[in-house]
Amino acid sequence: MQLSCGSFQFDLSRPIVMGIVNVTPDSFSDGGLHGHRDGAIAHALQLINEGADIIDIGGESTRPGASPVSVQEELDRVLPVIEGLRDSSVAISIDTFKPEVMIQAIAAGVHMVNDINALQDAQAMKAVAQSRVAVCLMHKQGNPLTMQLLPDYTDVVDEVSHFLRARINAAEAAGIERQRIVVDPGFGFGKTLEHNLALLRELIKFKELGVPVLAGLSRKSMLGALSGQDAQHRMPASIAAALIAVQRGASIVRVHDVRATVDALKIWNAISGEIQ
């Protein structure tokens, strides 16, 4: 499977790593740590040095209970970082659901849009369709402010899969080629622990959608519920979750701890090559 990501072409016969750079004061794990241009760029360069294939830059927290920020505030956070990384050796992704931010980020040189709203905004769809960037279509139930209050599904795997298939079809109808599309089941976005575990357990089913699957499990509350650790001490659980996701078909893992994940995947790649 191939992913066309702007000027980058990824061979997904082996999983790749997306490193997280949150230019925010309130993200659940690293809010405030890289809240300014120089710190965020330095952190991104560190993740690149550790082996990240894609850097995902976000200027608005979408953790449960997060309050929205204005378009201008988000742009003020992310554009200087994008511009500072424009000549780096890896693909750059913008983590946003706002069309105005997508448009300016694409103009500034990003290679991918990571949209928790799965391009349900017509202007977001247009912005991506008129570009060459890749897009990650994510499922969520509700909005960040309220999504964890009462998540409810009859069959979470079937419902998430149905939603993502519909969004793939909508993206293709708008002119976004399939080789530019990635899907994300949205762990923790309007899901209980039981919902998250069901999605991870049956992640292989999402490969039936015919596009790469991204798994974003790093340091999330589901891992805290299982391990009893706070967000700063969930690296071992995050590595385990990433490997399980890859084993079940994920082509991209979105993580905070790039070096540890890359090292774990080197072992996975060596062993999976032997047993294929």
C-alpha atoms as a PDB file:
ATOM      1  CA  MET A   1       0.000   0.000   0.000  1.00  0.00           C
ATOM      2  CA  GLN A   2       1.238   3.480  -0.915  1.00  0.00           C
ATOM      3  CA  LEU A   3       0.439   6.901   0.545  1.00  0.00           C
ATOM      4  CA  SER A   4       0.820  10.017  -1.579  1.00  0.00           C
ATOM      5  CA  CYS A   5       1.583  12.836   0.826  1.00  0.00           C
ATOM      6  CA  GLY A   6       2.344  15.974  -1.155  1.00  0.00           C
ATOM      7  CA  SER A   7       5.929  15.646  -2.384  1.00  0.00           C
ATOM      8  CA  PHE A   8       6.415  12.508  -0.240  1.00  0.00           C
ATOM      9  CA  GLN A   9       5.532   8.968  -1.278  1.00  0.00           C
ATOM     10  CA  PHE A  10       5.347   6.427   1.521  1.00  0.00           C
ATOM     11  CA  ASP A  11       5.713   2.697   1.026  1.00  0.00           C
ATOM     12  CA  LEU A  12       3.539   1.259   3.769  1.00  0.00           C
ATOM     13  CA  SER A  13       4.773  -2.301   3.527  1.00  0.00           C
ATOM     14  CA  ARG A  14       6.258  -1.387   6.909  1.00  0.00           C
ATOM     15  CA  PRO A  15       4.514   0.838   9.485  1.00  0.00           C
ATOM     16  CA  ILE A  16       5.590   4.464   9.780  1.00  0.00           C
ATOM     17  CA  VAL A  17       5.678   6.814  12.763  1.00  0.00           C
ATOM     18  CA  MET A  18       3.959  10.182  13.107  1.00  0.00           C
ATOM     19  CA  GLY A  19       5.465  12.331  15.862  1.00  0.00           C
ATOM     20  CA  ILE A  20       3.241  14.715  17.818  1.00  0.00           C
ATOM     21  CA  VAL A  21       4.101  18.394  18.282  1.00  0.00           C
ATOM     22  CA  ASN A  22       1.405  20.252  20.235  1.00  0.00           C
ATOM     23  CA  VAL A  23       1.829  24.018  20.153  1.00  0.00           C
ATOM     24  CA  THR A  24      -0.782  24.398  22.871  1.00  0.00           C
ATOM     25  CA  PRO A  25      -1.025  25.296  26.559  1.00  0.00           C
ATOM     26  CA  ASP A  26      -3.592  22.615  27.390  1.00  0.00           C
ATOM     27  CA  SER A  27      -3.039  19.346  25.522  1.00  0.00           C
ATOM     28  CA  PHE A  28      -3.591  16.407  27.861  1.00  0.00           C
ATOM     29  CA  SER A  29      -0.015  15.105  27.867  1.00  0.00           C
ATOM     30  CA  ASP A  30       2.388  17.837  26.790  1.00  0.00           C
ATOM     31  CA  GLY A  31       0.382  21.060  26.962  1.00  0.00           C
ATOM     32  CA  GLY A  32       2.622  24.056  27.500  1.00  0.00           C
ATOM     33  CA  LEU A  33       5.870  22.169  26.934  1.00  0.00           C
ATOM     34  CA  HIS A  34       6.316  23.344  23.340  1.00  0.00           C
ATOM     35  CA  GLY A  35       3.991  26.334  23.277  1.00  0.00           C
ATOM     36  CA  HIS A  36       6.323  28.718  21.428  1.00  0.00           C
ATOM     37  CA  ARG A  37       7.920  28.639  17.994  1.00  0.00           C
ATOM     38  CA  ASP A  38      11.504  27.874  18.946  1.00  0.00           C
ATOM     39  CA  GLY A  39      10.599  25.216  21.492  1.00  0.00           C
ATOM     40  CA  ALA A  40       8.162  23.537  19.127  1.00  0.00           C
ATOM     41  CA  ILE A  41      10.640  23.531  16.257  1.00  0.00           C
ATOM     42  CA  ALA A  42      13.397  22.157  18.493  1.00  0.00           C
ATOM     43  CA  HIS A  43      11.071  19.387  19.679  1.00  0.00           C
ATOM     44  CA  ALA A  44      10.064  18.563  16.105  1.00  0.00           C
ATOM     45  CA  LEU A  45      13.715  18.360  15.032  1.00  0.00           C
ATOM     46  CA  GLN A  46      14.385  16.048  17.969  1.00  0.00           C
ATOM     47  CA  LEU A  47      11.533  13.764  16.867  1.00  0.00           C
ATOM     48  CA  ILE A  48      12.874  13.783  13.313  1.00  0.00           C
ATOM     49  CA  ASN A  49      16.295  12.810  14.635  1.00  0.00           C
ATOM     50  CA  GLU A  50      14.640   9.990  16.598  1.00  0.00           C
ATOM     51  CA  GLY A  51      13.108   8.587  13.414  1.00  0.00           C
ATOM     52  CA  ALA A  52       9.700  10.201  12.859  1.00  0.00           C
ATOM     53  CA  ASP A  53       8.457   9.910   9.275  1.00  0.00           C
ATOM     54  CA  ILE A  54       5.774  12.588   9.686  1.00  0.00           C
ATOM     55  CA  ILE A  55       5.495  15.475  12.148  1.00  0.00           C
ATOM     56  CA  ASP A  56       1.924  16.346  13.165  1.00  0.00           C
ATOM     57  CA  ILE A  57       1.594  19.971  14.333  1.00  0.00           C
ATOM     58  CA  GLY A  58      -1.457  21.002  16.325  1.00  0.00           C
ATOM     59  CA  GLY A  59      -2.437  24.413  17.642  1.00  0.00           C
ATOM     60  CA  GLU A  60      -5.691  23.535  19.396  1.00  0.00           C
ATOM     61  CA  SER A  61      -6.202  20.853  22.009  1.00  0.00           C
ATOM     62  CA  THR A  62      -8.926  18.319  21.199  1.00  0.00           C
ATOM     63  CA  ARG A  63      -8.659  16.458  24.501  1.00  0.00           C
ATOM     64  CA  PRO A  64     -11.963  15.686  26.237  1.00  0.00           C
ATOM     65  CA  GLY A  65     -13.356  18.890  27.742  1.00  0.00           C
ATOM     66  CA  ALA A  66     -11.107  21.198  25.729  1.00  0.00           C
ATOM     67  CA  SER A  67     -12.380  24.674  24.905  1.00  0.00           C
ATOM     68  CA  PRO A  68     -12.106  25.956  21.318  1.00  0.00           C
ATOM     69  CA  VAL A  69      -9.656  28.628  20.189  1.00  0.00           C
ATOM     70  CA  SER A  70     -10.068  31.209  17.453  1.00  0.00           C
ATOM     71  CA  VAL A  71      -8.813  30.731  13.910  1.00  0.00           C
ATOM     72  CA  GLN A  72      -6.288  33.536  14.354  1.00  0.00           C
ATOM     73  CA  GLU A  73      -4.918  32.150  17.602  1.00  0.00           C
ATOM     74  CA  GLU A  74      -4.474  28.730  16.039  1.00  0.00           C
ATOM     75  CA  LEU A  75      -2.739  30.231  13.002  1.00  0.00           C
ATOM     76  CA  ASP A  76      -0.453  32.300  15.217  1.00  0.00           C
ATOM     77  CA  ARG A  77       0.609  29.100  16.971  1.00  0.00           C
ATOM     78  CA  VAL A  78       1.153  26.778  14.023  1.00  0.00           C
ATOM     79  CA  LEU A  79       2.285  28.842  11.028  1.00  0.00           C
ATOM     80  CA  PRO A  80       5.677  29.897  12.467  1.00  0.00           C
ATOM     81  CA  VAL A  81       6.398  26.242  13.299  1.00  0.00           C
ATOM     82  CA  ILE A  82       5.378  25.029   9.841  1.00  0.00           C
ATOM     83  CA  GLU A  83       7.535  27.691   8.220  1.00  0.00           C
ATOM     84  CA  GLY A  84      10.461  26.751  10.467  1.00  0.00           C
ATOM     85  CA  LEU A  85      10.185  23.095   9.420  1.00  0.00           C
ATOM     86  CA  ARG A  86       9.470  23.659   5.738  1.00  0.00           C
ATOM     87  CA  ASP A  87      12.917  22.474   4.657  1.00  0.00           C
ATOM     88  CA  SER A  88      13.060  19.474   6.985  1.00  0.00           C
ATOM     89  CA  SER A  89      13.545  15.944   5.694  1.00  0.00           C
ATOM     90  CA  VAL A  90      10.117  14.578   6.668  1.00  0.00           C
ATOM     91  CA  ALA A  91       6.489  15.201   5.824  1.00  0.00           C
ATOM     92  CA  ILE A  92       4.627  17.818   7.874  1.00  0.00           C
ATOM     93  CA  SER A  93       0.995  17.375   8.904  1.00  0.00           C
ATOM     94  CA  ILE A  94      -1.399  19.981  10.270  1.00  0.00           C
ATOM     95  CA  ASP A  95      -3.775  18.731  12.950  1.00  0.00           C
ATOM     96  CA  THR A  96      -6.831  20.947  12.503  1.00  0.00           C
ATOM     97  CA  PHE A  97     -10.514  20.855  11.606  1.00  0.00           C
ATOM     98  CA  LYS A  98     -10.740  24.519  10.570  1.00  0.00           C
ATOM     99  CA  PRO A  99     -10.776  25.140   6.792  1.00  0.00           C
ATOM    100  CA  GLU A 100      -9.109  28.536   7.203  1.00  0.00           C
ATOM    101  CA  VAL A 101      -6.186  26.934   9.038  1.00  0.00           C
ATOM    102  CA  MET A 102      -5.950  24.133   6.468  1.00  0.00           C
ATOM    103  CA  ILE A 103      -5.784  26.626   3.593  1.00  0.00           C
ATOM    104  CA  GLN A 104      -2.977  28.668   5.119  1.00  0.00           C
ATOM    105  CA  ALA A 105      -1.095  25.605   6.361  1.00  0.00           C
ATOM    106  CA  ILE A 106      -1.212  24.057   2.885  1.00  0.00           C
ATOM    107  CA  ALA A 107       0.040  27.320   1.408  1.00  0.00           C
ATOM    108  CA  ALA A 108       2.848  27.311   4.003  1.00  0.00           C
ATOM    109  CA  GLY A 109       3.984  23.880   2.838  1.00  0.00           C
ATOM    110  CA  VAL A 110       2.351  21.071   4.834  1.00  0.00           C
ATOM    111  CA  HIS A 111       2.015  17.678   3.190  1.00  0.00           C
ATOM    112  CA  MET A 112      -0.966  16.313   5.103  1.00  0.00           C
ATOM    113  CA  VAL A 113      -4.148  17.440   6.849  1.00  0.00           C
ATOM    114  CA  ASN A 114      -5.198  15.506   9.956  1.00  0.00           C
ATOM    115  CA  ASP A 115      -8.879  16.328  10.463  1.00  0.00           C
ATOM    116  CA  ILE A 116     -10.863  15.054  13.453  1.00  0.00           C
ATOM    117  CA  ASN A 117     -14.027  16.101  11.571  1.00  0.00           C
ATOM    118  CA  ALA A 118     -13.171  13.932   8.540  1.00  0.00           C
ATOM    119  CA  LEU A 119     -13.708  16.804   6.059  1.00  0.00           C
ATOM    120  CA  GLN A 120     -17.400  17.113   6.898  1.00  0.00           C
ATOM    121  CA  ASP A 121     -17.046  20.871   6.448  1.00  0.00           C
ATOM    122  CA  ALA A 122     -17.506  21.597   2.733  1.00  0.00           C
ATOM    123  CA  GLN A 123     -14.757  24.221   2.751  1.00  0.00           C
ATOM    124  CA  ALA A 124     -12.344  21.777   4.381  1.00  0.00           C
ATOM    125  CA  MET A 125     -13.138  19.219   1.696  1.00  0.00           C
ATOM    126  CA  LYS A 126     -12.535  21.837  -0.988  1.00  0.00           C
ATOM    127  CA  ALA A 127      -9.233  22.946   0.541  1.00  0.00           C
ATOM    128  CA  VAL A 128      -7.823  19.417   0.467  1.00  0.00           C
ATOM    129  CA  ALA A 129      -9.328  18.505  -2.909  1.00  0.00           C
ATOM    130  CA  GLN A 130      -7.679  21.493  -4.559  1.00  0.00           C
ATOM    131  CA  SER A 131      -4.256  20.511  -3.219  1.00  0.00           C
ATOM    132  CA  ARG A 132      -1.881  17.549  -3.402  1.00  0.00           C
ATOM    133  CA  VAL A 133      -1.780  16.890   0.340  1.00  0.00           C
ATOM    134  CA  ALA A 134      -2.826  13.685   2.039  1.00  0.00           C
ATOM    135  CA  VAL A 135      -5.705  13.649   4.505  1.00  0.00           C
ATOM    136  CA  CYS A 136      -6.495  11.635   7.615  1.00  0.00           C
ATOM    137  CA  LEU A 137     -10.228  11.166   8.115  1.00  0.00           C
ATOM    138  CA  MET A 138     -11.025  10.506  11.775  1.00  0.00           C
ATOM    139  CA  HIS A 139     -14.189   9.314  13.485  1.00  0.00           C
ATOM    140  CA  LYS A 140     -15.485  11.007  16.605  1.00  0.00           C
ATOM    141  CA  GLN A 141     -18.821  11.098  18.382  1.00  0.00           C
ATOM    142  CA  GLY A 142     -19.794  14.549  19.599  1.00  0.00           C
ATOM    143  CA  ASN A 143     -17.307  17.387  20.083  1.00  0.00           C
ATOM    144  CA  PRO A 144     -14.250  17.674  22.348  1.00  0.00           C
ATOM    145  CA  LEU A 145     -16.130  19.671  24.962  1.00  0.00           C
ATOM    146  CA  THR A 146     -18.782  16.988  25.545  1.00  0.00           C
ATOM    147  CA  MET A 147     -17.733  13.824  23.684  1.00  0.00           C
ATOM    148  CA  GLN A 148     -16.825  11.767  26.744  1.00  0.00           C
ATOM    149  CA  LEU A 149     -20.011  12.431  28.695  1.00  0.00           C
ATOM    150  CA  LEU A 150     -22.218   9.616  27.354  1.00  0.00           C
ATOM    151  CA  PRO A 151     -20.657   7.816  24.365  1.00  0.00           C
ATOM    152  CA  ASP A 152     -23.173   5.342  22.950  1.00  0.00           C
ATOM    153  CA  TYR A 153     -23.032   2.745  20.159  1.00  0.00           C
ATOM    154  CA  THR A 154     -24.946  -0.380  19.235  1.00  0.00           C
ATOM    155  CA  ASP A 155     -21.856  -1.831  17.511  1.00  0.00           C
ATOM    156  CA  VAL A 156     -18.894   0.531  17.729  1.00  0.00           C
ATOM    157  CA  VAL A 157     -16.733  -1.274  15.158  1.00  0.00           C
ATOM    158  CA  ASP A 158     -19.517  -1.451  12.590  1.00  0.00           C
ATOM    159  CA  GLU A 159     -20.652   2.128  13.133  1.00  0.00           C
ATOM    160  CA  VAL A 160     -17.153   3.621  12.975  1.00  0.00           C
ATOM    161  CA  SER A 161     -16.342   1.569   9.879  1.00  0.00           C
ATOM    162  CA  HIS A 162     -19.588   2.647   8.183  1.00  0.00           C
ATOM    163  CA  PHE A 163     -18.832   6.309   8.920  1.00  0.00           C
ATOM    164  CA  LEU A 164     -15.275   6.112   7.604  1.00  0.00           C
ATOM    165  CA  ARG A 165     -16.348   4.306   4.434  1.00  0.00           C
ATOM    166  CA  ALA A 166     -18.871   7.080   3.769  1.00  0.00           C
ATOM    167  CA  ARG A 167     -16.203   9.744   4.305  1.00  0.00           C
ATOM    168  CA  ILE A 168     -13.783   7.967   1.946  1.00  0.00           C
ATOM    169  CA  ASN A 169     -16.512   7.900  -0.699  1.00  0.00           C
ATOM    170  CA  ALA A 170     -17.272  11.589  -0.141  1.00  0.00           C
ATOM    171  CA  ALA A 171     -13.591  12.508  -0.411  1.00  0.00           C
ATOM    172  CA  GLU A 172     -13.175  10.549  -3.635  1.00  0.00           C
ATOM    173  CA  ALA A 173     -16.327  12.144  -5.058  1.00  0.00           C
ATOM    174  CA  ALA A 174     -14.796  15.560  -4.305  1.00  0.00           C
ATOM    175  CA  GLY A 175     -11.661  14.653  -6.282  1.00  0.00           C
ATOM    176  CA  ILE A 176      -9.326  13.422  -3.542  1.00  0.00           C
ATOM    177  CA  GLU A 177      -7.544  10.350  -4.876  1.00  0.00           C
ATOM    178  CA  ARG A 178      -7.685   7.206  -2.749  1.00  0.00           C
ATOM    179  CA  GLN A 179      -3.886   7.091  -2.485  1.00  0.00           C
ATOM    180  CA  ARG A 180      -4.056  10.376  -0.536  1.00  0.00           C
ATOM    181  CA  ILE A 181      -6.515   9.093   2.081  1.00  0.00           C
ATOM    182  CA  VAL A 182      -5.858   7.662   5.565  1.00  0.00           C
ATOM    183  CA  VAL A 183      -8.483   6.719   8.167  1.00  0.00           C
ATOM    184  CA  ASP A 184      -8.364   6.874  11.966  1.00  0.00           C
ATOM    185  CA  PRO A 185     -11.020   5.193  14.157  1.00  0.00           C
ATOM    186  CA  GLY A 186     -10.545   7.940  16.728  1.00  0.00           C
ATOM    187  CA  PHE A 187      -9.523   6.221  19.946  1.00  0.00           C
ATOM    188  CA  GLY A 188     -10.797   8.284  22.877  1.00  0.00           C
ATOM    189  CA  PHE A 189     -12.976  10.584  20.779  1.00  0.00           C
ATOM    190  CA  GLY A 190     -16.441   9.828  22.065  1.00  0.00           C
ATOM    191  CA  LYS A 191     -15.640   6.278  23.200  1.00  0.00           C
ATOM    192  CA  THR A 192     -15.622   4.474  26.519  1.00  0.00           C
ATOM    193  CA  LEU A 193     -12.800   2.162  27.534  1.00  0.00           C
ATOM    194  CA  GLU A 194     -14.851  -0.782  26.283  1.00  0.00           C
ATOM    195  CA  HIS A 195     -15.412   0.929  22.923  1.00  0.00           C
ATOM    196  CA  ASN A 196     -11.694   1.670  22.572  1.00  0.00           C
ATOM    197  CA  LEU A 197     -10.733  -1.910  23.382  1.00  0.00           C
ATOM    198  CA  ALA A 198     -13.250  -3.255  20.861  1.00  0.00           C
ATOM    199  CA  LEU A 199     -11.809  -0.997  18.153  1.00  0.00           C
ATOM    200  CA  LEU A 200      -8.247  -2.055  18.939  1.00  0.00           C
ATOM    201  CA  ARG A 201      -9.187  -5.721  19.168  1.00  0.00           C
ATOM    202  CA  GLU A 202     -10.853  -5.609  15.745  1.00  0.00           C
ATOM    203  CA  LEU A 203      -8.667  -2.977  14.081  1.00  0.00           C
ATOM    204  CA  ILE A 204      -7.849  -5.389  11.252  1.00  0.00           C
ATOM    205  CA  LYS A 205     -11.414  -4.937   9.980  1.00  0.00           C
ATOM    206  CA  PHE A 206     -10.635  -1.350   9.030  1.00  0.00           C
ATOM    207  CA  LYS A 207      -8.140  -2.574   6.430  1.00  0.00           C
ATOM    208  CA  GLU A 208     -11.198  -3.653   4.469  1.00  0.00           C
ATOM    209  CA  LEU A 209     -11.764   0.030   3.719  1.00  0.00           C
ATOM    210  CA  GLY A 210      -8.825  -0.147   1.306  1.00  0.00           C
ATOM    211  CA  VAL A 211      -6.816   2.781   2.657  1.00  0.00           C
ATOM    212  CA  PRO A 212      -4.082   3.019   5.321  1.00  0.00           C
ATOM    213  CA  VAL A 213      -5.175   2.977   8.962  1.00  0.00           C
ATOM    214  CA  LEU A 214      -3.695   5.399  11.507  1.00  0.00           C
ATOM    215  CA  ALA A 215      -3.813   4.513  15.206  1.00  0.00           C
ATOM    216  CA  GLY A 216      -3.492   7.291  17.768  1.00  0.00           C
ATOM    217  CA  LEU A 217      -3.250   5.638  21.173  1.00  0.00           C
ATOM    218  CA  SER A 218      -0.209   7.338  22.659  1.00  0.00           C
ATOM    219  CA  ARG A 219      -0.557   8.190  26.373  1.00  0.00           C
ATOM    220  CA  LYS A 220      -4.367   8.249  26.156  1.00  0.00           C
ATOM    221  CA  SER A 221      -6.671   7.852  29.124  1.00  0.00           C
ATOM    222  CA  MET A 222      -7.644   4.317  28.104  1.00  0.00           C
ATOM    223  CA  LEU A 223      -4.021   3.333  28.755  1.00  0.00           C
ATOM    224  CA  GLY A 224      -4.120   5.120  32.088  1.00  0.00           C
ATOM    225  CA  ALA A 225      -7.282   3.247  33.034  1.00  0.00           C
ATOM    226  CA  LEU A 226      -5.583  -0.063  32.259  1.00  0.00           C
ATOM    227  CA  SER A 227      -2.127   0.675  33.692  1.00  0.00           C
ATOM    228  CA  GLY A 228      -2.987   2.988  36.580  1.00  0.00           C
ATOM    229  CA  GLN A 229      -0.375   5.483  35.345  1.00  0.00           C
ATOM    230  CA  ASP A 230      -0.742   9.217  34.716  1.00  0.00           C
ATOM    231  CA  ALA A 231      -0.054  10.650  31.244  1.00  0.00           C
ATOM    232  CA  GLN A 232       3.653  11.217  31.915  1.00  0.00           C
ATOM    233  CA  HIS A 233       4.236   7.565  32.818  1.00  0.00           C
ATOM    234  CA  ARG A 234       2.360   5.786  30.038  1.00  0.00           C
ATOM    235  CA  MET A 235       5.230   5.179  27.624  1.00  0.00           C
ATOM    236  CA  PRO A 236       5.414   1.393  28.178  1.00  0.00           C
ATOM    237  CA  ALA A 237       1.650   1.102  27.747  1.00  0.00           C
ATOM    238  CA  SER A 238       1.830   3.332  24.658  1.00  0.00           C
ATOM    239  CA  ILE A 239       4.527   1.151  23.064  1.00  0.00           C
ATOM    240  CA  ALA A 240       2.485  -1.969  23.752  1.00  0.00           C
ATOM    241  CA  ALA A 241      -0.609  -0.358  22.247  1.00  0.00           C
ATOM    242  CA  ALA A 242       1.295   0.792  19.158  1.00  0.00           C
ATOM    243  CA  LEU A 243       2.653  -2.700  18.543  1.00  0.00           C
ATOM    244  CA  ILE A 244      -0.779  -4.265  19.003  1.00  0.00           C
ATOM    245  CA  ALA A 245      -2.212  -1.732  16.539  1.00  0.00           C
ATOM    246  CA  VAL A 246       0.471  -2.548  13.976  1.00  0.00           C
ATOM    247  CA  GLN A 247      -0.100  -6.259  14.492  1.00  0.00           C
ATOM    248  CA  ARG A 248      -3.771  -5.643  13.748  1.00  0.00           C
ATOM    249  CA  GLY A 249      -3.146  -3.696  10.559  1.00  0.00           C
ATOM    250  CA  ALA A 250      -2.257  -0.090  11.387  1.00  0.00           C
ATOM    251  CA  SER A 251       0.101   1.449   8.827  1.00  0.00           C
ATOM    252  CA  ILE A 252       0.763   4.645  10.792  1.00  0.00           C
ATOM    253  CA  VAL A 253       1.093   5.129  14.541  1.00  0.00           C
ATOM    254  CA  ARG A 254       0.782   8.649  15.962  1.00  0.00           C
ATOM    255  CA  VAL A 255       2.973   8.923  19.071  1.00  0.00           C
ATOM    256  CA  HIS A 256       4.665  11.197  21.587  1.00  0.00           C
ATOM    257  CA  ASP A 257       7.586   8.845  22.297  1.00  0.00           C
ATOM    258  CA  VAL A 258       9.151   8.511  18.871  1.00  0.00           C
ATOM    259  CA  ARG A 259      12.523   6.935  19.686  1.00  0.00           C
ATOM    260  CA  ALA A 260      11.030   4.181  21.837  1.00  0.00           C
ATOM    261  CA  THR A 261       8.339   3.452  19.248  1.00  0.00           C
ATOM    262  CA  VAL A 262      10.834   3.365  16.380  1.00  0.00           C
ATOM    263  CA  ASP A 263      13.048   0.960  18.317  1.00  0.00           C
ATOM    264  CA  ALA A 264      10.104  -1.310  19.115  1.00  0.00           C
ATOM    265  CA  LEU A 265       9.029  -1.301  15.464  1.00  0.00           C
ATOM    266  CA  LYS A 266      12.543  -2.284  14.360  1.00  0.00           C
ATOM    267  CA  ILE A 267      12.084  -5.505  16.337  1.00  0.00           C
ATOM    268  CA  TRP A 268       8.559  -5.941  14.988  1.00  0.00           C
ATOM    269  CA  ASN A 269       9.756  -5.423  11.397  1.00  0.00           C
ATOM    270  CA  ALA A 270      12.585  -7.936  11.789  1.00  0.00           C
ATOM    271  CA  ILE A 271      10.287 -10.624  13.179  1.00  0.00           C
ATOM    272  CA  SER A 272       7.324  -9.957  10.882  1.00  0.00           C
ATOM    273  CA  GLY A 273       9.660 -10.201   7.894  1.00  0.00           C
ATOM    274  CA  GLU A 274      10.660 -13.679   8.995  1.00  0.00           C
ATOM    275  CA  ILE A 275       7.108 -14.964   9.406  1.00  0.00           C
ATOM    276  CA  GLN A 276       5.527 -13.557   6.236  1.00  0.00           C
END
